[in-house]
Protein backbone atom coordinates (compact mmCIF):
# COMPACT_ATOMS: atom_id res chain seq x y z
CA MET A 1 -34.59 18.50 -1.78
CA LYS A 2 -34.53 14.42 -1.57
CA ALA A 3 -34.68 14.63 -5.23
CA THR A 4 -31.62 16.86 -5.31
CA LEU A 5 -29.41 14.83 -2.70
CA LEU A 6 -29.70 11.38 -4.57
CA GLU A 7 -28.88 13.16 -7.87
CA ALA A 8 -25.83 14.51 -6.27
CA VAL A 9 -24.96 11.54 -4.63
CA LYS A 10 -25.52 9.46 -7.75
CA LYS A 11 -23.33 12.01 -9.72
CA ARG A 12 -20.29 11.90 -7.17
CA PHE A 13 -20.36 8.39 -6.35
CA SER A 14 -21.33 6.64 -9.18
CA ASP A 15 -17.86 5.06 -9.86
CA VAL A 16 -17.03 3.47 -6.60
CA GLU A 17 -17.79 0.24 -7.37
CA THR A 18 -15.84 0.10 -10.30
CA ASN A 19 -12.88 1.67 -9.72
CA PRO A 20 -10.07 -0.67 -8.47
CA LEU A 21 -8.77 1.57 -5.73
CA TYR A 22 -12.10 1.87 -3.71
CA PHE A 23 -13.27 -1.97 -4.39
CA ILE A 24 -9.89 -3.11 -3.38
CA SER A 25 -9.92 -1.20 -0.54
CA THR A 26 -13.14 -2.36 0.48
CA ILE A 27 -12.57 -6.11 0.08
CA LEU A 28 -9.32 -5.65 2.19
CA ASP A 29 -11.25 -4.14 4.93
CA PRO A 30 -11.91 -7.06 7.25
CA ARG A 31 -14.92 -5.14 8.43
CA TYR A 32 -16.40 -5.21 5.22
CA LYS A 33 -15.44 -7.67 2.71
CA ASP A 34 -17.28 -8.49 -0.50
CA ARG A 35 -20.99 -7.96 1.92
CA PHE A 36 -21.71 -4.46 0.59
CA PHE A 37 -21.22 -4.73 -2.88
CA SER A 38 -24.60 -4.72 -5.59
CA ASN A 39 -25.43 -7.23 -8.26
CA ASN A 40 -22.34 -8.49 -9.89
CA THR A 41 -19.90 -5.65 -9.19
CA ALA A 42 -18.44 -8.44 -5.97
CA LEU A 43 -17.68 -11.08 -8.19
CA GLU A 44 -15.90 -8.45 -10.85
CA ALA A 45 -13.98 -6.94 -7.98
CA LYS A 46 -12.75 -10.40 -6.61
CA LEU A 47 -11.52 -11.16 -9.95
CA HIS A 48 -9.88 -8.26 -10.30
CA LEU A 49 -8.31 -8.48 -6.74
CA LYS A 50 -6.81 -12.03 -7.91
CA GLN A 51 -5.45 -11.14 -10.59
CA GLU A 52 -3.28 -8.11 -8.96
CA LEU A 53 -2.69 -10.90 -6.21
CA GLN A 54 -1.01 -12.95 -8.89
CA MET A 55 0.80 -10.09 -10.36
CA MET A 56 2.15 -9.38 -6.89
CA SER A 57 3.15 -12.97 -6.28
CA ARG A 58 4.98 -13.42 -9.71
CA ALA A 59 6.85 -10.31 -9.37
CA GLU A 60 8.26 -11.32 -5.68
CA ALA A 61 8.71 -15.12 -7.26
CA GLU A 62 10.87 -13.32 -10.32
CA GLU A 63 12.44 -11.04 -7.67
CA SER A 64 13.54 -14.10 -5.16
CA ARG A 65 14.57 -15.99 -8.04
CA ALA A 66 16.92 -12.98 -9.28
CA GLU A 67 18.90 -12.91 -6.13
CA ALA A 68 19.09 -16.51 -5.88
CA ALA A 69 20.87 -16.55 -9.03
CA GLU A 70 23.40 -14.29 -8.81
CA PRO A 71 25.44 -14.90 -5.42
CA PRO A 72 27.17 -11.80 -3.41
CA ALA A 73 30.16 -13.40 -4.83
CA LYS A 74 29.29 -13.44 -8.19
CA LEU A 75 28.40 -9.59 -7.45
CA PHE A 76 31.60 -8.59 -6.36
CA LEU A 77 33.04 -9.81 -9.18
CA LYS A 78 31.31 -8.32 -11.33
CA ALA A 79 31.99 -5.33 -9.97
CA GLN A 80 35.69 -5.47 -10.05
CA ALA A 81 37.20 -4.36 -13.37
CA SER A 82 38.70 -7.96 -14.06
CA THR A 83 38.95 -9.23 -17.14
CA SER A 84 37.19 -12.53 -18.01
CA SER A 85 38.08 -15.35 -20.39
CA SER A 86 35.76 -15.55 -23.19
CA LEU A 87 34.53 -18.80 -22.67
CA ASP A 88 32.90 -17.26 -19.76
CA THR A 89 31.11 -14.88 -21.48
CA VAL A 90 29.84 -17.70 -24.02
CA PHE A 91 28.79 -19.71 -21.18
CA GLU A 92 27.08 -16.69 -19.59
CA GLU A 93 25.06 -15.94 -23.37
CA ILE A 94 24.04 -19.53 -23.68
CA ALA A 95 22.68 -19.40 -20.27
CA LYS A 96 20.67 -16.28 -20.98
CA GLU A 97 19.07 -17.92 -23.92
CA GLN A 98 18.15 -21.13 -22.49
CA PRO A 99 14.10 -20.07 -21.95
CA GLN A 100 12.80 -20.09 -18.61
CA ALA A 101 10.25 -22.40 -17.18
CA ALA A 102 6.70 -20.93 -17.32
CA GLN A 103 5.63 -19.62 -13.98
CA PRO A 104 2.47 -21.47 -12.14
CA LEU A 105 -0.37 -19.51 -11.53
CA ALA A 106 -0.04 -18.36 -7.69
CA ALA A 107 -2.74 -20.54 -6.62
CA GLY A 108 -1.07 -19.82 -3.13
CA ALA A 109 -2.63 -16.41 -3.36
CA ALA A 110 -6.18 -17.13 -4.41
CA ILE A 111 -6.45 -19.50 -2.09
CA GLU A 112 -5.66 -16.99 0.68
CA LEU A 113 -8.21 -14.86 -0.83
CA ASP A 114 -11.09 -17.35 -0.60
CA THR A 115 -10.38 -18.45 2.90
CA TYR A 116 -10.07 -14.62 4.12
CA LEU A 117 -13.55 -14.16 2.25
CA GLY A 118 -15.20 -17.13 3.88
CA GLU A 119 -14.40 -15.88 7.44
CA ALA A 120 -16.98 -13.96 9.41
CA PRO A 121 -16.35 -9.97 9.04
CA SER A 122 -14.94 -8.10 11.72
CA PRO A 123 -16.97 -6.06 14.33
CA ARG A 124 -17.22 -2.56 12.98
CA GLU A 125 -15.38 -0.99 15.86
CA ASP A 126 -12.10 -2.82 15.08
CA SER A 127 -9.58 -1.37 13.43
CA PRO A 128 -8.14 -3.03 9.91
CA LEU A 129 -4.40 -2.46 10.60
CA LYS A 130 -4.65 -4.21 13.76
CA TYR A 131 -6.23 -6.95 12.00
CA TRP A 132 -3.51 -7.30 8.94
CA GLY A 133 -0.87 -7.02 11.91
CA VAL A 134 -2.21 -10.00 13.69
CA ASN A 135 -3.03 -12.20 10.42
CA LYS A 136 -0.08 -11.26 8.31
CA ILE A 137 1.58 -14.69 8.85
CA ARG A 138 -1.73 -16.17 7.97
CA PHE A 139 -2.31 -14.26 4.58
CA PRO A 140 1.19 -12.68 3.53
CA THR A 141 0.14 -11.73 0.27
CA LEU A 142 -3.30 -10.05 1.29
CA ALA A 143 -1.44 -8.17 3.85
CA LYS A 144 1.39 -6.89 1.70
CA MET A 145 -1.90 -5.91 -0.67
CA ALA A 146 -3.60 -4.32 2.70
CA GLN A 147 -0.58 -2.20 3.12
CA LYS A 148 -0.82 -0.79 -0.33
CA TYR A 149 -4.42 0.02 -0.34
CA LEU A 150 -5.18 0.96 3.37
CA SER A 151 -2.45 3.21 3.89
CA ALA A 152 -2.91 6.45 4.63
CA PRO A 153 -3.36 8.78 1.77
CA CYS A 154 -0.65 11.43 0.92
CA SER A 155 -2.22 14.68 2.07
CA SER A 156 -0.93 18.42 2.90
CA VAL A 157 -3.28 19.13 5.36
CA GLU A 158 -0.76 18.93 8.52
CA SER A 159 1.56 21.16 6.83
CA GLU A 160 -0.87 23.46 5.77
CA ARG A 161 -1.90 23.79 9.24
CA LEU A 162 1.33 24.08 10.53
CA PHE A 163 1.95 27.13 8.34
CA SER A 164 -1.02 28.60 9.38
CA SER A 165 0.05 28.16 13.22
CA VAL A 166 2.77 30.79 12.41
CA SER A 167 0.35 33.21 11.22
CA HIS A 168 -1.02 33.18 14.79
CA ILE A 169 2.46 33.25 16.48
CA ILE A 170 4.04 36.12 14.17
CA ASP A 171 1.69 39.19 13.76
CA GLU A 172 2.20 43.11 13.89
CA ASN A 173 1.75 43.14 17.75
CA ARG A 174 4.94 40.47 17.80
CA ASN A 175 6.98 42.03 15.10
CA ARG A 176 10.15 41.80 17.29
CA LEU A 177 10.13 38.06 17.59
CA THR A 178 13.17 36.12 16.35
CA ALA A 179 12.75 33.36 14.33
CA ASP A 180 14.49 31.32 17.08
CA ASN A 181 11.76 32.03 19.25
CA ALA A 182 9.01 31.72 17.06
CA GLU A 183 10.34 28.21 16.09
CA LYS A 184 10.30 27.44 19.82
CA LEU A 185 6.77 28.55 20.20
CA LEU A 186 5.42 27.34 16.96
CA PHE A 187 6.84 23.37 18.45
CA LEU A 188 5.56 24.13 22.02
CA LYS A 189 2.02 24.70 20.39
CA LYS A 190 1.91 21.76 18.17
CA ASN A 191 3.48 19.46 20.82
CA LEU A 192 2.58 20.51 24.01
CA PRO A 193 -0.89 18.93 23.80
CA LEU A 194 0.44 15.39 23.00
CA THR A 195 1.85 15.49 25.97
CA PHE A 196 -1.56 15.48 27.98
CA SER A 197 -3.40 12.25 28.06
CA LYS A 198 -6.93 12.48 26.92
């Protein structure tokens, strides 16, 4: 039985440490960080996370540069259907042809990651989301990444539970129940327990 269970675990979880979704989520969880990886996978995971942080920092820098390049007045003038002189269009074409300065690697994001990983892990009973809520000022790029990777996965469980609850309210014995009354009963069934403190 042990061998069968071990084989099933290996079969189902063999790619956990190599899947970016899992290893980035593990590193960004302040309770675990990079402490529970086997062999060289922790180094690979950190390198992958650094690359993703640099890509995110570059995207944010380009976005802010694009917003700063075009002030609202210029956007308003572009929206108007006014005719511009040919001299203006020539200047715009020359400005677009100039090569942009090469973006330096986001050293701040790498420093954030090293500082974060250098700290002791949080206790297991702490909430990772509360940790990132408190530390988003210290680690702004990592906090955005944590918001992306530690959010609740999409699920249809609650809506399916709601539909199955309807089958308990509307049945053969209550065939004259109107839609309004059925909706009110369903609302009460799902929301009344929330009013009682645990």
